[in-house]
N, C-alpha and C. Protein backbone atom coordinates (compact mmCIF):
# COMPACT_ATOMS: atom_id res chain seq x y z
N MET A 1 16.10 22.43 -14.08
CA MET A 1 15.20 22.01 -13.02
C MET A 1 15.94 22.15 -11.70
N ALA A 2 15.23 22.66 -10.69
CA ALA A 2 15.83 22.87 -9.38
C ALA A 2 14.94 22.29 -8.29
N GLU A 3 15.57 21.92 -7.19
CA GLU A 3 14.86 21.44 -6.01
C GLU A 3 14.52 22.65 -5.16
N LEU A 4 13.21 22.86 -4.91
CA LEU A 4 12.74 24.02 -4.15
C LEU A 4 12.01 23.55 -2.90
N LEU A 5 12.06 24.36 -1.85
CA LEU A 5 11.32 24.09 -0.62
C LEU A 5 10.31 25.21 -0.43
N VAL A 6 9.04 24.84 -0.26
CA VAL A 6 7.96 25.80 -0.04
C VAL A 6 7.51 25.67 1.42
N VAL A 7 7.55 26.79 2.16
CA VAL A 7 7.17 26.80 3.57
C VAL A 7 5.98 27.74 3.73
N ASP A 8 4.82 27.16 3.99
CA ASP A 8 3.60 27.96 4.17
C ASP A 8 2.64 27.15 5.02
N ASN A 9 2.07 27.77 6.05
CA ASN A 9 1.18 27.02 6.94
C ASN A 9 -0.20 26.78 6.32
N ASP A 10 -0.51 27.44 5.23
CA ASP A 10 -1.75 27.16 4.52
C ASP A 10 -1.42 26.12 3.47
N ALA A 11 -1.70 24.86 3.80
CA ALA A 11 -1.32 23.75 2.93
C ALA A 11 -1.91 23.89 1.53
N ARG A 12 -3.10 24.48 1.43
CA ARG A 12 -3.72 24.63 0.11
C ARG A 12 -2.92 25.57 -0.77
N ILE A 13 -2.52 26.69 -0.22
CA ILE A 13 -1.71 27.64 -0.99
C ILE A 13 -0.35 27.03 -1.31
N ALA A 14 0.26 26.36 -0.33
CA ALA A 14 1.56 25.75 -0.55
C ALA A 14 1.50 24.71 -1.67
N GLU A 15 0.46 23.91 -1.69
CA GLU A 15 0.32 22.89 -2.73
C GLU A 15 0.10 23.55 -4.11
N LEU A 16 -0.67 24.63 -4.15
CA LEU A 16 -0.87 25.34 -5.42
C LEU A 16 0.44 25.94 -5.92
N VAL A 17 1.19 26.55 -5.02
CA VAL A 17 2.48 27.13 -5.40
C VAL A 17 3.39 26.02 -5.91
N ALA A 18 3.42 24.88 -5.22
CA ALA A 18 4.24 23.75 -5.65
C ALA A 18 3.82 23.27 -7.03
N TRP A 19 2.52 23.21 -7.27
CA TRP A 19 2.00 22.76 -8.56
C TRP A 19 2.48 23.69 -9.68
N PHE A 20 2.38 25.02 -9.46
CA PHE A 20 2.82 25.97 -10.47
C PHE A 20 4.33 25.87 -10.70
N LEU A 21 5.09 25.69 -9.62
CA LEU A 21 6.54 25.56 -9.77
C LEU A 21 6.90 24.29 -10.53
N GLU A 22 6.19 23.21 -10.24
CA GLU A 22 6.44 21.96 -10.95
C GLU A 22 6.04 22.06 -12.42
N LYS A 23 4.96 22.79 -12.69
CA LYS A 23 4.55 23.02 -14.07
C LYS A 23 5.63 23.82 -14.81
N GLY A 24 6.38 24.62 -14.07
CA GLY A 24 7.47 25.41 -14.63
C GLY A 24 8.78 24.64 -14.72
N GLY A 25 8.76 23.35 -14.37
CA GLY A 25 9.95 22.53 -14.56
C GLY A 25 10.77 22.26 -13.31
N HIS A 26 10.31 22.66 -12.15
CA HIS A 26 11.06 22.46 -10.91
C HIS A 26 10.45 21.35 -10.08
N THR A 27 11.17 20.91 -9.07
CA THR A 27 10.65 19.97 -8.09
C THR A 27 10.43 20.76 -6.81
N ALA A 28 9.22 20.71 -6.28
CA ALA A 28 8.89 21.49 -5.08
C ALA A 28 8.51 20.55 -3.94
N HIS A 29 9.12 20.77 -2.79
CA HIS A 29 8.80 20.04 -1.57
C HIS A 29 8.07 21.02 -0.66
N VAL A 30 6.98 20.57 -0.03
CA VAL A 30 6.15 21.45 0.78
C VAL A 30 6.22 21.04 2.25
N VAL A 31 6.40 22.04 3.12
CA VAL A 31 6.28 21.86 4.56
C VAL A 31 5.40 23.00 5.08
N THR A 32 4.73 22.74 6.20
CA THR A 32 3.79 23.73 6.72
C THR A 32 4.26 24.43 7.98
N SER A 33 5.53 24.25 8.34
CA SER A 33 6.07 24.94 9.51
C SER A 33 7.58 25.10 9.38
N TYR A 34 8.12 26.02 10.15
CA TYR A 34 9.57 26.19 10.17
C TYR A 34 10.23 25.02 10.87
N ALA A 35 9.54 24.39 11.82
CA ALA A 35 10.08 23.20 12.47
C ALA A 35 10.30 22.09 11.45
N GLU A 36 9.31 21.87 10.57
CA GLU A 36 9.45 20.87 9.50
C GLU A 36 10.56 21.28 8.53
N ALA A 37 10.61 22.57 8.22
CA ALA A 37 11.65 23.07 7.31
C ALA A 37 13.03 22.79 7.90
N ARG A 38 13.19 23.06 9.19
CA ARG A 38 14.47 22.84 9.85
C ARG A 38 14.88 21.37 9.75
N GLU A 39 13.93 20.46 9.97
CA GLU A 39 14.24 19.03 9.88
C GLU A 39 14.71 18.64 8.48
N ILE A 40 13.98 19.05 7.47
CA ILE A 40 14.33 18.66 6.10
C ILE A 40 15.62 19.35 5.65
N LEU A 41 15.86 20.59 6.12
CA LEU A 41 17.09 21.30 5.75
C LEU A 41 18.32 20.66 6.39
N ARG A 42 18.15 19.97 7.49
CA ARG A 42 19.27 19.24 8.11
C ARG A 42 19.65 18.02 7.28
N GLU A 43 18.69 17.49 6.52
CA GLU A 43 18.90 16.27 5.75
C GLU A 43 19.34 16.52 4.31
N ARG A 44 18.92 17.63 3.73
CA ARG A 44 19.21 17.87 2.32
C ARG A 44 19.27 19.36 2.04
N SER A 45 19.79 19.71 0.87
CA SER A 45 19.87 21.12 0.51
C SER A 45 18.90 21.40 -0.64
N PHE A 46 18.54 22.66 -0.76
CA PHE A 46 17.62 23.11 -1.80
C PHE A 46 18.24 24.32 -2.50
N ALA A 47 17.94 24.44 -3.78
CA ALA A 47 18.45 25.57 -4.56
C ALA A 47 17.82 26.87 -4.09
N LEU A 48 16.56 26.80 -3.63
CA LEU A 48 15.83 28.00 -3.21
C LEU A 48 14.70 27.59 -2.29
N MET A 49 14.44 28.41 -1.28
CA MET A 49 13.30 28.22 -0.38
C MET A 49 12.35 29.40 -0.57
N LEU A 50 11.06 29.10 -0.66
CA LEU A 50 10.03 30.13 -0.70
C LEU A 50 9.30 30.04 0.63
N ALA A 51 9.38 31.08 1.45
CA ALA A 51 8.87 31.00 2.81
C ALA A 51 7.90 32.14 3.12
N ASP A 52 6.78 31.77 3.71
CA ASP A 52 5.84 32.75 4.22
C ASP A 52 6.37 33.25 5.56
N LEU A 53 5.93 34.41 5.99
CA LEU A 53 6.38 34.95 7.28
C LEU A 53 5.52 34.49 8.44
N GLU A 54 4.23 34.62 8.31
CA GLU A 54 3.30 34.33 9.40
C GLU A 54 2.83 32.89 9.31
N LEU A 55 3.35 32.03 10.20
CA LEU A 55 2.96 30.63 10.20
C LEU A 55 2.31 30.27 11.54
N GLY A 56 1.26 30.97 11.88
CA GLY A 56 0.59 30.69 13.15
C GLY A 56 1.48 31.12 14.31
N VAL A 57 1.93 30.14 15.10
CA VAL A 57 2.77 30.45 16.25
C VAL A 57 4.22 30.73 15.85
N GLU A 58 4.60 30.38 14.64
CA GLU A 58 5.96 30.63 14.17
C GLU A 58 5.99 31.90 13.33
N ASP A 59 7.02 32.70 13.55
CA ASP A 59 7.17 33.96 12.84
C ASP A 59 8.48 33.93 12.06
N GLY A 60 8.39 34.12 10.76
CA GLY A 60 9.57 34.10 9.92
C GLY A 60 10.61 35.15 10.30
N ARG A 61 10.17 36.26 10.90
CA ARG A 61 11.12 37.28 11.31
C ARG A 61 12.01 36.78 12.44
N VAL A 62 11.56 35.75 13.14
CA VAL A 62 12.37 35.11 14.18
C VAL A 62 13.06 33.87 13.62
N GLU A 63 12.32 33.04 12.90
CA GLU A 63 12.82 31.75 12.43
C GLU A 63 13.88 31.87 11.33
N LEU A 64 13.74 32.79 10.40
CA LEU A 64 14.71 32.91 9.32
C LEU A 64 16.10 33.28 9.83
N PRO A 65 16.23 34.27 10.75
CA PRO A 65 17.57 34.54 11.30
C PRO A 65 18.13 33.35 12.08
N LEU A 66 17.26 32.58 12.75
CA LEU A 66 17.74 31.39 13.46
C LEU A 66 18.28 30.35 12.49
N LEU A 67 17.57 30.14 11.39
CA LEU A 67 18.05 29.20 10.37
C LEU A 67 19.40 29.66 9.82
N GLU A 68 19.56 30.98 9.64
CA GLU A 68 20.83 31.51 9.16
C GLU A 68 21.94 31.23 10.17
N THR A 69 21.67 31.49 11.45
CA THR A 69 22.65 31.27 12.51
C THR A 69 23.04 29.79 12.58
N GLU A 70 22.07 28.90 12.36
CA GLU A 70 22.32 27.46 12.41
C GLU A 70 22.99 26.94 11.13
N GLY A 71 23.18 27.81 10.15
CA GLY A 71 23.80 27.41 8.90
C GLY A 71 22.88 26.59 8.01
N LEU A 72 21.58 26.72 8.21
CA LEU A 72 20.60 25.92 7.46
C LEU A 72 19.83 26.72 6.41
N LEU A 73 19.97 28.04 6.41
CA LEU A 73 19.15 28.87 5.53
C LEU A 73 19.65 28.83 4.09
N PRO A 74 18.86 28.23 3.19
CA PRO A 74 19.25 28.27 1.77
C PRO A 74 18.90 29.64 1.19
N PRO A 75 19.28 29.94 -0.04
CA PRO A 75 18.79 31.16 -0.67
C PRO A 75 17.26 31.15 -0.56
N THR A 76 16.69 32.29 -0.15
CA THR A 76 15.26 32.32 0.20
C THR A 76 14.55 33.53 -0.38
N LEU A 77 13.36 33.28 -0.92
CA LEU A 77 12.42 34.34 -1.27
C LEU A 77 11.31 34.31 -0.23
N VAL A 78 11.03 35.45 0.38
CA VAL A 78 9.93 35.53 1.34
C VAL A 78 8.67 35.89 0.56
N VAL A 79 7.66 35.03 0.65
CA VAL A 79 6.40 35.21 -0.07
C VAL A 79 5.33 35.44 1.00
N SER A 80 4.87 36.70 1.12
CA SER A 80 3.98 37.02 2.22
C SER A 80 3.02 38.15 1.87
N GLY A 81 1.90 38.14 2.54
CA GLY A 81 0.94 39.23 2.41
C GLY A 81 1.14 40.29 3.48
N TYR A 82 2.17 40.12 4.30
CA TYR A 82 2.41 41.03 5.42
C TYR A 82 3.74 41.76 5.28
N LEU A 83 4.03 42.24 4.10
CA LEU A 83 5.29 42.93 3.86
C LEU A 83 5.07 44.44 3.88
N ASP A 84 5.97 45.13 4.53
CA ASP A 84 6.01 46.58 4.46
C ASP A 84 7.47 46.98 4.36
N ALA A 85 7.74 48.26 4.28
CA ALA A 85 9.12 48.73 4.09
C ALA A 85 10.02 48.31 5.25
N GLU A 86 9.51 48.39 6.47
CA GLU A 86 10.32 48.04 7.64
C GLU A 86 10.67 46.55 7.65
N ILE A 87 9.69 45.71 7.38
CA ILE A 87 9.93 44.26 7.36
C ILE A 87 10.87 43.90 6.22
N THR A 88 10.65 44.49 5.05
CA THR A 88 11.50 44.21 3.90
C THR A 88 12.95 44.62 4.18
N GLU A 89 13.14 45.75 4.83
CA GLU A 89 14.49 46.19 5.19
C GLU A 89 15.13 45.23 6.18
N ALA A 90 14.39 44.81 7.19
CA ALA A 90 14.93 43.86 8.18
C ALA A 90 15.30 42.54 7.51
N LEU A 91 14.46 42.07 6.60
CA LEU A 91 14.75 40.81 5.90
C LEU A 91 15.99 40.94 5.02
N SER A 92 16.21 42.12 4.45
CA SER A 92 17.36 42.30 3.56
C SER A 92 18.69 42.20 4.33
N GLN A 93 18.64 42.29 5.65
CA GLN A 93 19.84 42.19 6.47
C GLN A 93 20.25 40.73 6.71
N ILE A 94 19.38 39.79 6.36
CA ILE A 94 19.66 38.36 6.53
C ILE A 94 20.32 37.90 5.24
N SER A 95 21.53 37.37 5.35
CA SER A 95 22.33 37.09 4.14
C SER A 95 21.67 36.10 3.18
N GLY A 96 20.88 35.17 3.65
CA GLY A 96 20.26 34.19 2.76
C GLY A 96 19.01 34.67 2.04
N ILE A 97 18.46 35.79 2.48
CA ILE A 97 17.23 36.29 1.87
C ILE A 97 17.57 36.99 0.56
N ARG A 98 16.96 36.52 -0.52
CA ARG A 98 17.23 37.07 -1.85
C ARG A 98 16.19 38.10 -2.27
N GLY A 99 15.11 38.21 -1.52
CA GLY A 99 14.09 39.19 -1.86
C GLY A 99 12.73 38.77 -1.34
N THR A 100 11.73 39.56 -1.71
CA THR A 100 10.37 39.31 -1.25
C THR A 100 9.41 39.28 -2.44
N VAL A 101 8.31 38.57 -2.25
CA VAL A 101 7.24 38.52 -3.23
C VAL A 101 5.94 38.74 -2.46
N PRO A 102 5.24 39.85 -2.72
CA PRO A 102 4.00 40.11 -1.99
C PRO A 102 2.85 39.23 -2.49
N LYS A 103 2.01 38.80 -1.55
CA LYS A 103 0.77 38.08 -1.90
C LYS A 103 -0.32 39.12 -2.01
N PRO A 104 -1.29 38.94 -2.86
CA PRO A 104 -1.42 37.91 -3.87
C PRO A 104 -0.44 38.16 -5.00
N PHE A 105 -0.13 37.11 -5.74
CA PHE A 105 0.81 37.22 -6.83
C PHE A 105 0.30 36.41 -8.02
N GLU A 106 0.84 36.73 -9.17
CA GLU A 106 0.52 35.95 -10.36
C GLU A 106 1.54 34.82 -10.44
N PRO A 107 1.08 33.59 -10.62
CA PRO A 107 2.01 32.46 -10.66
C PRO A 107 3.12 32.61 -11.69
N SER A 108 2.82 33.19 -12.85
CA SER A 108 3.86 33.36 -13.86
C SER A 108 4.95 34.31 -13.38
N GLU A 109 4.56 35.34 -12.63
CA GLU A 109 5.55 36.27 -12.09
C GLU A 109 6.40 35.60 -11.02
N LEU A 110 5.77 34.75 -10.20
CA LEU A 110 6.53 34.02 -9.18
C LEU A 110 7.53 33.09 -9.87
N LEU A 111 7.09 32.38 -10.88
CA LEU A 111 7.97 31.46 -11.61
C LEU A 111 9.13 32.23 -12.25
N GLU A 112 8.85 33.37 -12.84
CA GLU A 112 9.91 34.19 -13.43
C GLU A 112 10.90 34.64 -12.36
N ARG A 113 10.40 35.02 -11.19
CA ARG A 113 11.26 35.47 -10.10
C ARG A 113 12.13 34.33 -9.59
N VAL A 114 11.52 33.15 -9.44
CA VAL A 114 12.26 31.97 -9.01
C VAL A 114 13.36 31.66 -10.02
N ASP A 115 13.02 31.63 -11.29
CA ASP A 115 14.01 31.34 -12.33
C ASP A 115 15.13 32.38 -12.33
N ALA A 116 14.79 33.65 -12.13
CA ALA A 116 15.80 34.71 -12.09
C ALA A 116 16.74 34.51 -10.91
N GLU A 117 16.20 34.14 -9.75
CA GLU A 117 17.04 33.91 -8.57
C GLU A 117 17.95 32.72 -8.77
N LEU A 118 17.41 31.67 -9.38
CA LEU A 118 18.23 30.48 -9.63
C LEU A 118 19.35 30.78 -10.62
N THR A 119 19.04 31.57 -11.65
CA THR A 119 20.06 31.96 -12.63
C THR A 119 21.11 32.83 -11.96
N ALA A 120 20.67 33.78 -11.15
CA ALA A 120 21.59 34.69 -10.46
C ALA A 120 22.52 33.93 -9.52
N ALA A 121 22.01 32.88 -8.92
CA ALA A 121 22.81 32.09 -7.98
C ALA A 121 23.69 31.08 -8.71
N HIS A 122 23.60 31.05 -10.06
CA HIS A 122 24.34 30.10 -10.87
C HIS A 122 24.05 28.66 -10.47
N ALA A 123 22.78 28.44 -10.11
CA ALA A 123 22.37 27.08 -9.75
C ALA A 123 22.41 26.22 -10.99
N PRO A 124 22.94 25.01 -10.85
CA PRO A 124 22.95 24.14 -12.03
C PRO A 124 21.53 23.78 -12.42
N ALA A 125 21.24 23.92 -13.69
CA ALA A 125 19.89 23.63 -14.16
C ALA A 125 19.97 22.52 -15.20
N GLU A 126 19.35 21.38 -14.90
CA GLU A 126 19.32 20.27 -15.85
C GLU A 126 18.37 20.62 -16.99
N GLU A 127 17.29 21.30 -16.64
CA GLU A 127 16.32 21.72 -17.63
C GLU A 127 15.94 23.15 -17.31
N THR A 128 15.53 23.89 -18.31
CA THR A 128 15.04 25.22 -18.07
C THR A 128 13.54 25.22 -18.19
N ALA A 129 12.89 26.09 -17.45
CA ALA A 129 11.43 26.17 -17.51
C ALA A 129 11.02 26.73 -18.85
N PRO A 130 10.16 26.04 -19.57
CA PRO A 130 9.74 26.55 -20.87
C PRO A 130 8.97 27.86 -20.74
N GLU A 131 9.22 28.80 -21.66
CA GLU A 131 8.52 30.08 -21.62
C GLU A 131 7.02 29.89 -21.72
N ALA A 132 6.59 28.92 -22.46
CA ALA A 132 5.15 28.70 -22.63
C ALA A 132 4.50 28.39 -21.31
N ALA A 133 5.20 27.71 -20.40
CA ALA A 133 4.60 27.38 -19.10
C ALA A 133 4.29 28.66 -18.33
N ALA A 134 5.20 29.62 -18.33
CA ALA A 134 4.96 30.87 -17.63
C ALA A 134 3.82 31.64 -18.30
N GLU A 135 3.79 31.64 -19.64
CA GLU A 135 2.73 32.35 -20.33
C GLU A 135 1.37 31.72 -20.07
N ASP A 136 1.31 30.40 -19.96
CA ASP A 136 0.04 29.72 -19.67
C ASP A 136 -0.51 30.11 -18.31
N LEU A 137 0.37 30.52 -17.40
CA LEU A 137 -0.05 30.85 -16.03
C LEU A 137 -0.45 32.31 -15.89
N ASP A 138 -0.22 33.13 -16.92
CA ASP A 138 -0.48 34.56 -16.84
C ASP A 138 -1.92 34.90 -16.47
N GLU A 139 -2.85 34.07 -16.84
CA GLU A 139 -4.25 34.41 -16.64
C GLU A 139 -4.75 34.08 -15.23
N PHE A 140 -3.90 33.52 -14.38
CA PHE A 140 -4.35 33.13 -13.05
C PHE A 140 -3.70 33.97 -11.97
N VAL A 141 -4.42 34.14 -10.86
CA VAL A 141 -3.91 34.81 -9.68
C VAL A 141 -4.31 33.97 -8.49
N ILE A 142 -3.38 33.76 -7.57
CA ILE A 142 -3.72 33.01 -6.36
C ILE A 142 -4.12 34.01 -5.30
N GLN A 143 -5.28 33.80 -4.74
CA GLN A 143 -5.74 34.67 -3.67
C GLN A 143 -6.53 33.84 -2.68
N ALA A 144 -6.49 34.26 -1.41
CA ALA A 144 -7.31 33.62 -0.39
C ALA A 144 -8.66 34.30 -0.41
N ALA A 145 -9.71 33.54 -0.20
CA ALA A 145 -11.06 34.09 -0.21
C ALA A 145 -11.85 33.44 0.91
N PRO A 146 -12.85 34.16 1.45
CA PRO A 146 -13.67 33.55 2.49
C PRO A 146 -14.40 32.34 1.92
N ALA A 147 -14.56 31.33 2.76
CA ALA A 147 -15.27 30.13 2.33
C ALA A 147 -16.71 30.48 2.01
N PRO A 148 -17.28 29.86 0.98
CA PRO A 148 -18.67 30.14 0.66
C PRO A 148 -19.57 29.69 1.80
N GLU A 149 -20.60 30.50 2.05
CA GLU A 149 -21.52 30.16 3.13
C GLU A 149 -22.46 29.07 2.66
N VAL A 150 -22.67 28.09 3.52
CA VAL A 150 -23.56 26.99 3.22
C VAL A 150 -24.70 27.05 4.22
N ALA A 151 -25.90 27.08 3.69
CA ALA A 151 -27.06 27.16 4.57
C ALA A 151 -27.22 25.84 5.30
N ASP A 152 -27.35 25.89 6.61
CA ASP A 152 -27.54 24.71 7.43
C ASP A 152 -28.99 24.71 7.89
N PRO A 153 -29.78 23.71 7.47
CA PRO A 153 -31.19 23.71 7.82
C PRO A 153 -31.45 23.50 9.31
N SER A 154 -30.50 22.92 10.02
CA SER A 154 -30.72 22.70 11.45
C SER A 154 -29.88 23.66 12.25
N PRO A 155 -30.42 24.22 13.33
CA PRO A 155 -29.62 25.13 14.14
C PRO A 155 -28.50 24.35 14.82
N ALA A 156 -27.30 24.90 14.72
CA ALA A 156 -26.14 24.22 15.30
C ALA A 156 -25.97 24.63 16.75
N THR A 157 -25.71 23.66 17.57
CA THR A 157 -25.42 23.94 18.97
C THR A 157 -24.01 23.44 19.24
N PRO A 158 -23.22 24.24 19.97
CA PRO A 158 -21.83 23.82 20.21
C PRO A 158 -21.78 22.54 21.04
N GLU A 159 -20.90 21.65 20.64
CA GLU A 159 -20.64 20.44 21.40
C GLU A 159 -19.81 20.81 22.62
N ALA A 160 -19.76 19.91 23.58
CA ALA A 160 -18.96 20.15 24.78
C ALA A 160 -17.52 20.39 24.36
N GLY A 161 -16.93 21.46 24.86
CA GLY A 161 -15.54 21.78 24.57
C GLY A 161 -15.35 22.62 23.33
N GLU A 162 -16.38 22.82 22.51
CA GLU A 162 -16.24 23.64 21.32
C GLU A 162 -16.45 25.10 21.68
N ALA A 163 -15.83 25.97 20.93
CA ALA A 163 -15.99 27.41 21.17
C ALA A 163 -17.37 27.86 20.72
N ASP A 164 -17.91 28.86 21.41
CA ASP A 164 -19.21 29.40 21.03
C ASP A 164 -19.12 30.25 19.78
N GLU A 165 -17.95 30.83 19.53
CA GLU A 165 -17.79 31.67 18.36
C GLU A 165 -17.45 30.81 17.16
N GLU A 166 -18.04 31.13 16.03
CA GLU A 166 -17.73 30.40 14.81
C GLU A 166 -16.46 30.96 14.21
N GLU A 167 -15.64 30.09 13.71
CA GLU A 167 -14.42 30.51 13.05
C GLU A 167 -14.67 30.52 11.56
N GLU A 168 -14.29 31.60 10.89
CA GLU A 168 -14.50 31.70 9.46
C GLU A 168 -13.33 31.06 8.73
N ASP A 169 -13.59 29.95 8.05
CA ASP A 169 -12.56 29.28 7.27
C ASP A 169 -12.31 30.06 6.00
N GLU A 170 -11.10 29.89 5.48
CA GLU A 170 -10.79 30.48 4.20
C GLU A 170 -10.57 29.36 3.21
N TRP A 171 -10.73 29.65 1.95
CA TRP A 171 -10.45 28.69 0.91
C TRP A 171 -9.67 29.41 -0.16
N VAL A 172 -9.03 28.68 -0.98
CA VAL A 172 -8.20 29.27 -2.01
C VAL A 172 -8.93 29.15 -3.34
N GLU A 173 -8.91 30.24 -4.07
CA GLU A 173 -9.56 30.26 -5.37
C GLU A 173 -8.54 30.71 -6.40
N ILE A 174 -8.45 29.98 -7.48
CA ILE A 174 -7.61 30.41 -8.60
C ILE A 174 -8.58 31.01 -9.60
N VAL A 175 -8.40 32.30 -9.83
CA VAL A 175 -9.35 32.99 -10.69
C VAL A 175 -8.63 33.59 -11.88
N PRO A 176 -9.31 33.66 -13.02
CA PRO A 176 -8.72 34.39 -14.13
C PRO A 176 -8.48 35.83 -13.71
N GLU A 177 -7.41 36.41 -14.17
CA GLU A 177 -7.02 37.75 -13.74
C GLU A 177 -8.13 38.77 -13.95
N GLU A 178 -8.87 38.66 -15.01
CA GLU A 178 -9.91 39.65 -15.27
C GLU A 178 -11.05 39.58 -14.25
N ARG A 179 -11.17 38.44 -13.52
CA ARG A 179 -12.22 38.32 -12.50
C ARG A 179 -11.71 38.67 -11.11
N LEU A 180 -10.42 38.99 -10.98
CA LEU A 180 -9.84 39.28 -9.69
C LEU A 180 -10.51 40.49 -9.07
N GLU A 181 -11.04 40.31 -7.88
CA GLU A 181 -11.69 41.40 -7.18
C GLU A 181 -10.79 41.86 -6.06
N THR A 182 -10.69 43.15 -5.88
CA THR A 182 -9.91 43.70 -4.79
C THR A 182 -10.84 43.89 -3.60
N PRO A 183 -10.50 43.30 -2.44
CA PRO A 183 -11.36 43.45 -1.27
C PRO A 183 -11.50 44.91 -0.86
N ASP A 184 -12.63 45.23 -0.27
CA ASP A 184 -12.87 46.59 0.22
C ASP A 184 -12.34 46.77 1.62
N ARG A 185 -11.30 46.06 1.96
CA ARG A 185 -10.73 46.18 3.27
C ARG A 185 -9.24 46.40 3.14
N GLU A 186 -8.63 46.91 4.21
CA GLU A 186 -7.20 47.14 4.17
C GLU A 186 -6.49 45.87 4.60
N GLY A 187 -5.24 45.74 4.23
CA GLY A 187 -4.45 44.60 4.64
C GLY A 187 -4.42 43.52 3.58
N PRO A 188 -3.57 42.54 3.80
CA PRO A 188 -3.42 41.48 2.83
C PRO A 188 -4.63 40.56 2.77
N VAL A 189 -4.73 39.91 1.65
CA VAL A 189 -5.82 38.95 1.47
C VAL A 189 -5.38 37.64 2.01
C-alpha cells in the first residue's frame, strides 16, 4: 500500500481515480490545484503523484518544473488528455516525472502503471494490490461526457450579473468498455 496524491481540477474525475486506486490497495489524497498540492507536499511526502496538466489557470508545464525547483516534486505520472510528442518530451526532461498516461484510460491499466512505478522506485509496500482488483476494473473506462440535457418548461432569463451565454457542464460517466463511444470530434474528451 502506498500514499498517493491525485491532482486534478475536475473533482469528480479526481475522486473516481482515488476510488479506483484505493480499491487497488493504496491510499489516495485528492487536491484540485497545484497550489493545494504545494501546500500538502510541504507537510508530507507521497510515494507517487498523479497530476493533470490543465488545471484552469494553472498549467502543469509551468507548475511541475517549479515544484521540482522547490524540491517538492515527488515521483509523478502526468495523467492528461492533452498529451502530444512535444509535451511528452518536455515532461521527460523534468527529473521527477516518471511518465504519462493519456486520458481517457482504463482504471485497471492506470492501477497497473501506478504499481509498476511504485515497484520500480522500490517504494516500501505494506500490502500489494490484489490482481483481482485490477481485473475487476477491466470493464470500465473513465471518460468525460456532456451533461444530459434537461428540458426546462420555463424560459430562463439571465439574472443580473450572469453571462448571457450558457456554459455546457460536463459530467463523468463510468461505462462498460463495450459501450465506450468515441466522439466524432478531434482532441481529448
